[in-house]
Structures are given as structure tokens and as C-alpha cells.
Amino acid sequence: MPQANGCSHLSQIKLTHPSVHVCRQCVERGDTWVHLRMCLECGNVGCCDSSKNKHATRHYKASKHPLIRSIEPGEAWVWCYADEVMAAELRD
């Protein structure tokens, strides 16, 4: 189990691997993204805050699912929106 870094939500992790590697909302709009993030509760993949549309953060605000992970190659970090901390690392 990942070690908590001040995060009280790690028990909510349900999914750790994405089913897609695109931001579907950006694709629908004809936009591009910088990096992709995945919700660890429902698996939603959205673009990062460096991207124009910030779909991962929008997903958190709408769903209140607190944990996301980077799905970029070589990155394993988990961010907790609710606690505003790097919560863990998930290694394959």
C-alpha cells in the first residue's frame, strides 16, 4: 500500500491503470492537451492544469473524487485535491 503524506483518502483508490490515453473531452472539442491525469476512483482521464481546459481538475470539482495520478510515461505520483498533497506513488 502506498505511504500517505498527509492524505486521508488513499483507501478510496479503486483503479490504478487507465483504459484510454486521451482526454476525451478535449478530443470532442478539437483541442489538445499537455499531460494526462486519471481519477483513481472512477478512471476518468482528463488533461492537466497546464492544459487549456484543465479537465482533470474540473472532474474533481464536479465529482469530489479526491485522488488522481499522472499517466505520463515514467511518472507514478498521486495527487490529492482534497488534502492538497502528493499523496503517494503507484508503481506498476
C-alpha atoms as a PDB file:
ATOM      1  CA  MET A   1       0.000   0.000   0.000  1.00  0.00           C
ATOM      2  CA  PRO A   2       1.358   3.468  -0.817  1.00  0.00           C
ATOM      3  CA  GLN A   3       2.516   5.562   2.107  1.00  0.00           C
ATOM      4  CA  ALA A   4       0.345   8.564   2.959  1.00  0.00           C
ATOM      5  CA  ASN A   5       1.875  12.009   3.015  1.00  0.00           C
ATOM      6  CA  GLY A   6      -0.861  13.759   4.946  1.00  0.00           C
ATOM      7  CA  CYS A   7      -3.595  12.286   2.734  1.00  0.00           C
ATOM      8  CA  SER A   8      -6.643  10.727   4.336  1.00  0.00           C
ATOM      9  CA  HIS A   9      -8.126   9.376   1.077  1.00  0.00           C
ATOM     10  CA  LEU A  10      -5.835   6.537  -0.052  1.00  0.00           C
ATOM     11  CA  SER A  11      -8.441   3.942   0.907  1.00  0.00           C
ATOM     12  CA  GLN A  12     -10.638   5.342  -1.896  1.00  0.00           C
ATOM     13  CA  ILE A  13      -8.327   4.084  -4.669  1.00  0.00           C
ATOM     14  CA  LYS A  14     -10.328   1.743  -6.907  1.00  0.00           C
ATOM     15  CA  LEU A  15      -8.461   1.922 -10.225  1.00  0.00           C
ATOM     16  CA  THR A  16      -4.774   2.316 -10.986  1.00  0.00           C
ATOM     17  CA  HIS A  17      -4.494   1.835 -14.767  1.00  0.00           C
ATOM     18  CA  PRO A  18      -6.169   3.922 -17.470  1.00  0.00           C
ATOM     19  CA  SER A  19      -8.388   2.419 -20.149  1.00  0.00           C
ATOM     20  CA  VAL A  20      -7.624   5.302 -22.543  1.00  0.00           C
ATOM     21  CA  HIS A  21      -4.675   7.608 -23.155  1.00  0.00           C
ATOM     22  CA  VAL A  22      -6.540  10.663 -24.416  1.00  0.00           C
ATOM     23  CA  CYS A  23      -8.591  13.424 -22.841  1.00  0.00           C
ATOM     24  CA  ARG A  24     -11.949  12.579 -24.399  1.00  0.00           C
ATOM     25  CA  GLN A  25     -13.377  15.999 -23.585  1.00  0.00           C
ATOM     26  CA  CYS A  26     -10.515  17.708 -25.434  1.00  0.00           C
ATOM     27  CA  VAL A  27     -10.934  15.318 -28.376  1.00  0.00           C
ATOM     28  CA  GLU A  28     -14.650  16.168 -28.533  1.00  0.00           C
ATOM     29  CA  ARG A  29     -13.795  19.897 -28.585  1.00  0.00           C
ATOM     30  CA  GLY A  30     -10.986  19.503 -31.097  1.00  0.00           C
ATOM     31  CA  ASP A  31      -8.460  20.717 -28.513  1.00  0.00           C
ATOM     32  CA  THR A  32      -5.086  19.355 -27.455  1.00  0.00           C
ATOM     33  CA  TRP A  33      -3.622  18.753 -24.001  1.00  0.00           C
ATOM     34  CA  VAL A  34      -0.223  18.882 -22.306  1.00  0.00           C
ATOM     35  CA  HIS A  35      -0.369  15.907 -19.875  1.00  0.00           C
ATOM     36  CA  LEU A  36      -2.977  13.371 -18.810  1.00  0.00           C
ATOM     37  CA  ARG A  37      -4.264  12.561 -15.322  1.00  0.00           C
ATOM     38  CA  MET A  38      -6.519   9.713 -14.214  1.00  0.00           C
ATOM     39  CA  CYS A  39      -9.096   9.711 -11.411  1.00  0.00           C
ATOM     40  CA  LEU A  40      -8.289   6.820  -9.081  1.00  0.00           C
ATOM     41  CA  GLU A  41     -11.915   6.399  -8.067  1.00  0.00           C
ATOM     42  CA  CYS A  42     -13.757   6.177 -11.401  1.00  0.00           C
ATOM     43  CA  GLY A  43     -10.966   6.045 -14.017  1.00  0.00           C
ATOM     44  CA  ASN A  44     -11.854   9.303 -15.775  1.00  0.00           C
ATOM     45  CA  VAL A  45      -8.887  10.572 -17.812  1.00  0.00           C
ATOM     46  CA  GLY A  46      -8.549  14.325 -18.137  1.00  0.00           C
ATOM     47  CA  CYS A  47      -5.974  16.905 -19.080  1.00  0.00           C
ATOM     48  CA  CYS A  48      -3.711  18.578 -16.517  1.00  0.00           C
ATOM     49  CA  ASP A  49      -3.787  22.149 -15.217  1.00  0.00           C
ATOM     50  CA  SER A  50      -1.083  23.145 -17.716  1.00  0.00           C
ATOM     51  CA  SER A  51      -3.596  22.320 -20.437  1.00  0.00           C
ATOM     52  CA  LYS A  52      -6.091  24.889 -21.693  1.00  0.00           C
ATOM     53  CA  ASN A  53      -9.198  23.092 -20.417  1.00  0.00           C
ATOM     54  CA  LYS A  54      -7.981  21.605 -17.094  1.00  0.00           C
ATOM     55  CA  HIS A  55     -10.418  18.700 -17.376  1.00  0.00           C
ATOM     56  CA  ALA A  56      -8.881  16.654 -14.528  1.00  0.00           C
ATOM     57  CA  THR A  57      -9.452  19.486 -12.049  1.00  0.00           C
ATOM     58  CA  ARG A  58     -12.925  20.107 -13.475  1.00  0.00           C
ATOM     59  CA  HIS A  59     -13.694  16.425 -12.897  1.00  0.00           C
ATOM     60  CA  TYR A  60     -12.630  16.735  -9.246  1.00  0.00           C
ATOM     61  CA  LYS A  61     -14.763  19.831  -8.715  1.00  0.00           C
ATOM     62  CA  ALA A  62     -17.819  18.111 -10.199  1.00  0.00           C
ATOM     63  CA  SER A  63     -17.344  14.634  -8.680  1.00  0.00           C
ATOM     64  CA  LYS A  64     -15.374  15.331  -5.487  1.00  0.00           C
ATOM     65  CA  HIS A  65     -13.206  12.270  -6.280  1.00  0.00           C
ATOM     66  CA  PRO A  66     -10.036  13.408  -4.470  1.00  0.00           C
ATOM     67  CA  LEU A  67      -7.209  11.335  -5.996  1.00  0.00           C
ATOM     68  CA  ILE A  68      -5.598  11.493  -9.416  1.00  0.00           C
ATOM     69  CA  ARG A  69      -2.439  10.011 -10.817  1.00  0.00           C
ATOM     70  CA  SER A  70      -0.222  11.003 -13.677  1.00  0.00           C
ATOM     71  CA  ILE A  71      -0.459   8.577 -16.566  1.00  0.00           C
ATOM     72  CA  GLU A  72       2.565  10.030 -18.305  1.00  0.00           C
ATOM     73  CA  PRO A  73       5.391   7.557 -19.054  1.00  0.00           C
ATOM     74  CA  GLY A  74       7.834   7.300 -16.157  1.00  0.00           C
ATOM     75  CA  GLU A  75       5.595   9.157 -13.692  1.00  0.00           C
ATOM     76  CA  ALA A  76       3.903   7.383 -10.773  1.00  0.00           C
ATOM     77  CA  TRP A  77       2.802  10.211  -8.463  1.00  0.00           C
ATOM     78  CA  VAL A  78      -0.648  10.559  -6.909  1.00  0.00           C
ATOM     79  CA  TRP A  79      -2.135  13.969  -6.059  1.00  0.00           C
ATOM     80  CA  CYS A  80      -4.906  14.502  -3.507  1.00  0.00           C
ATOM     81  CA  TYR A  81      -7.013  17.525  -4.391  1.00  0.00           C
ATOM     82  CA  ALA A  82      -8.836  17.481  -1.050  1.00  0.00           C
ATOM     83  CA  ASP A  83      -5.697  17.470   1.104  1.00  0.00           C
ATOM     84  CA  GLU A  84      -3.566  19.347  -1.465  1.00  0.00           C
ATOM     85  CA  VAL A  85      -0.617  16.961  -1.148  1.00  0.00           C
ATOM     86  CA  MET A  86       1.382  14.487  -3.203  1.00  0.00           C
ATOM     87  CA  ALA A  87      -0.224  11.503  -1.577  1.00  0.00           C
ATOM     88  CA  ALA A  88       1.721   8.503  -2.883  1.00  0.00           C
ATOM     89  CA  GLU A  89       3.434   6.808  -5.797  1.00  0.00           C
ATOM     90  CA  LEU A  90       1.922   3.871  -7.655  1.00  0.00           C
ATOM     91  CA  ARG A  91       4.498   1.657  -9.336  1.00  0.00           C
ATOM     92  CA  ASP A  92       3.488  -0.976 -11.833  1.00  0.00           C
END
